[in-house]
Amino acid sequence: MVTVGLYEAKTKLSELLDRVEGGEELVITRHGVPVARLVPAAHVSRRDIAGAISEWRRLRTDTQLNPPGADHVTVRDLINYGRK
């Protein structure tokens, strides 16, 4: 991993972003102390989205969350369910 000082990061940000876009990870330091890390942004694939949708559908039909006769599952219900 490449280390870059704060001044250099400010003056060459565009170049550094090109390197990160190419897959490189960089650490930005201030007075030699690491303060930030530049990494490529994660790409969300269609498979990840499809998995999230199918999990949501499963949760909607979960009888613990949505007992027979209940109208719908609220966000609060899901938050509380996730804390169990």
Protein backbone atom coordinates (compact mmCIF):
# COMPACT_ATOMS: atom_id res chain seq x y z
CA MET A 1 0.00 0.00 0.00
CA VAL A 2 1.33 3.40 -1.01
CA THR A 3 1.61 6.19 1.57
CA VAL A 4 1.06 9.81 0.52
CA GLY A 5 1.48 12.96 2.60
CA LEU A 6 -1.43 15.35 3.02
CA TYR A 7 0.16 18.14 0.97
CA GLU A 8 0.86 15.78 -1.93
CA ALA A 9 -2.69 14.38 -1.69
CA LYS A 10 -4.14 17.90 -1.95
CA THR A 11 -1.97 18.91 -4.88
CA LYS A 12 -2.29 15.64 -6.81
CA LEU A 13 -5.79 14.49 -5.89
CA SER A 14 -6.86 13.89 -9.48
CA GLU A 15 -3.82 11.69 -10.17
CA LEU A 16 -4.33 9.78 -6.94
CA LEU A 17 -7.97 9.13 -7.78
CA ASP A 18 -6.90 7.74 -11.16
CA ARG A 19 -4.59 5.32 -9.35
CA VAL A 20 -7.34 4.30 -6.93
CA GLU A 21 -9.75 3.84 -9.81
CA GLY A 22 -7.20 1.44 -11.26
CA GLY A 23 -7.43 -0.69 -8.12
CA GLU A 24 -4.63 0.72 -5.99
CA GLU A 25 -5.13 1.55 -2.30
CA LEU A 26 -3.47 4.63 -0.81
CA VAL A 27 -2.93 5.85 2.75
CA ILE A 28 -2.90 9.60 3.40
CA THR A 29 -0.75 10.74 6.30
CA ARG A 30 -0.50 13.96 8.29
CA HIS A 31 2.96 14.47 9.83
CA GLY A 32 3.69 10.80 9.16
CA VAL A 33 0.57 9.54 10.96
CA PRO A 34 -2.03 7.70 8.83
CA VAL A 35 -5.33 9.58 8.82
CA ALA A 36 -7.24 8.22 5.81
CA ARG A 37 -7.26 5.43 3.29
CA LEU A 38 -8.39 5.78 -0.33
CA VAL A 39 -9.82 2.57 -1.75
CA PRO A 40 -11.81 1.84 -4.91
CA ALA A 41 -15.55 2.28 -4.49
CA ALA A 42 -17.41 -1.00 -4.24
CA HIS A 43 -19.60 -1.88 -7.16
CA VAL A 44 -22.99 -3.38 -6.32
CA SER A 45 -23.82 -6.23 -8.64
CA ARG A 46 -27.28 -7.18 -9.84
CA ARG A 47 -26.85 -10.47 -7.97
CA ASP A 48 -26.39 -8.55 -4.68
CA ILE A 49 -29.53 -6.54 -5.37
CA ALA A 50 -31.52 -9.66 -6.29
CA GLY A 51 -30.37 -11.32 -3.06
CA ALA A 52 -31.49 -8.33 -1.01
CA ILE A 53 -34.90 -8.35 -2.69
CA SER A 54 -35.40 -12.06 -2.08
CA GLU A 55 -34.40 -11.62 1.59
CA TRP A 56 -36.89 -8.78 1.93
CA ARG A 57 -39.62 -11.00 0.45
CA ARG A 58 -38.69 -13.77 2.87
CA LEU A 59 -38.91 -11.38 5.81
CA ARG A 60 -42.33 -10.17 4.66
CA THR A 61 -43.68 -13.71 4.89
CA ASP A 62 -41.89 -14.60 8.14
CA THR A 63 -44.64 -15.58 10.62
CA GLN A 64 -42.60 -14.27 13.58
CA LEU A 65 -42.57 -10.81 12.06
CA ASN A 66 -45.89 -10.92 10.33
CA PRO A 67 -48.29 -13.13 12.27
CA PRO A 68 -51.54 -14.17 10.58
CA GLY A 69 -53.97 -11.25 10.68
CA ALA A 70 -51.26 -8.56 10.81
CA ASP A 71 -51.52 -5.91 8.12
CA HIS A 72 -47.83 -5.34 7.35
CA VAL A 73 -44.28 -5.34 8.64
CA THR A 74 -42.94 -1.95 9.71
CA VAL A 75 -39.35 -0.79 9.60
CA ARG A 76 -39.37 -0.75 13.41
CA ASP A 77 -40.41 -4.44 13.37
CA LEU A 78 -37.44 -5.26 11.15
CA ILE A 79 -35.03 -3.30 13.36
CA ASN A 80 -36.26 -5.10 16.46
CA TYR A 81 -36.12 -8.44 14.64
CA GLY A 82 -32.48 -7.78 13.67
CA ARG A 83 -31.58 -7.12 17.31
CA LYS A 84 -32.67 -10.60 18.42
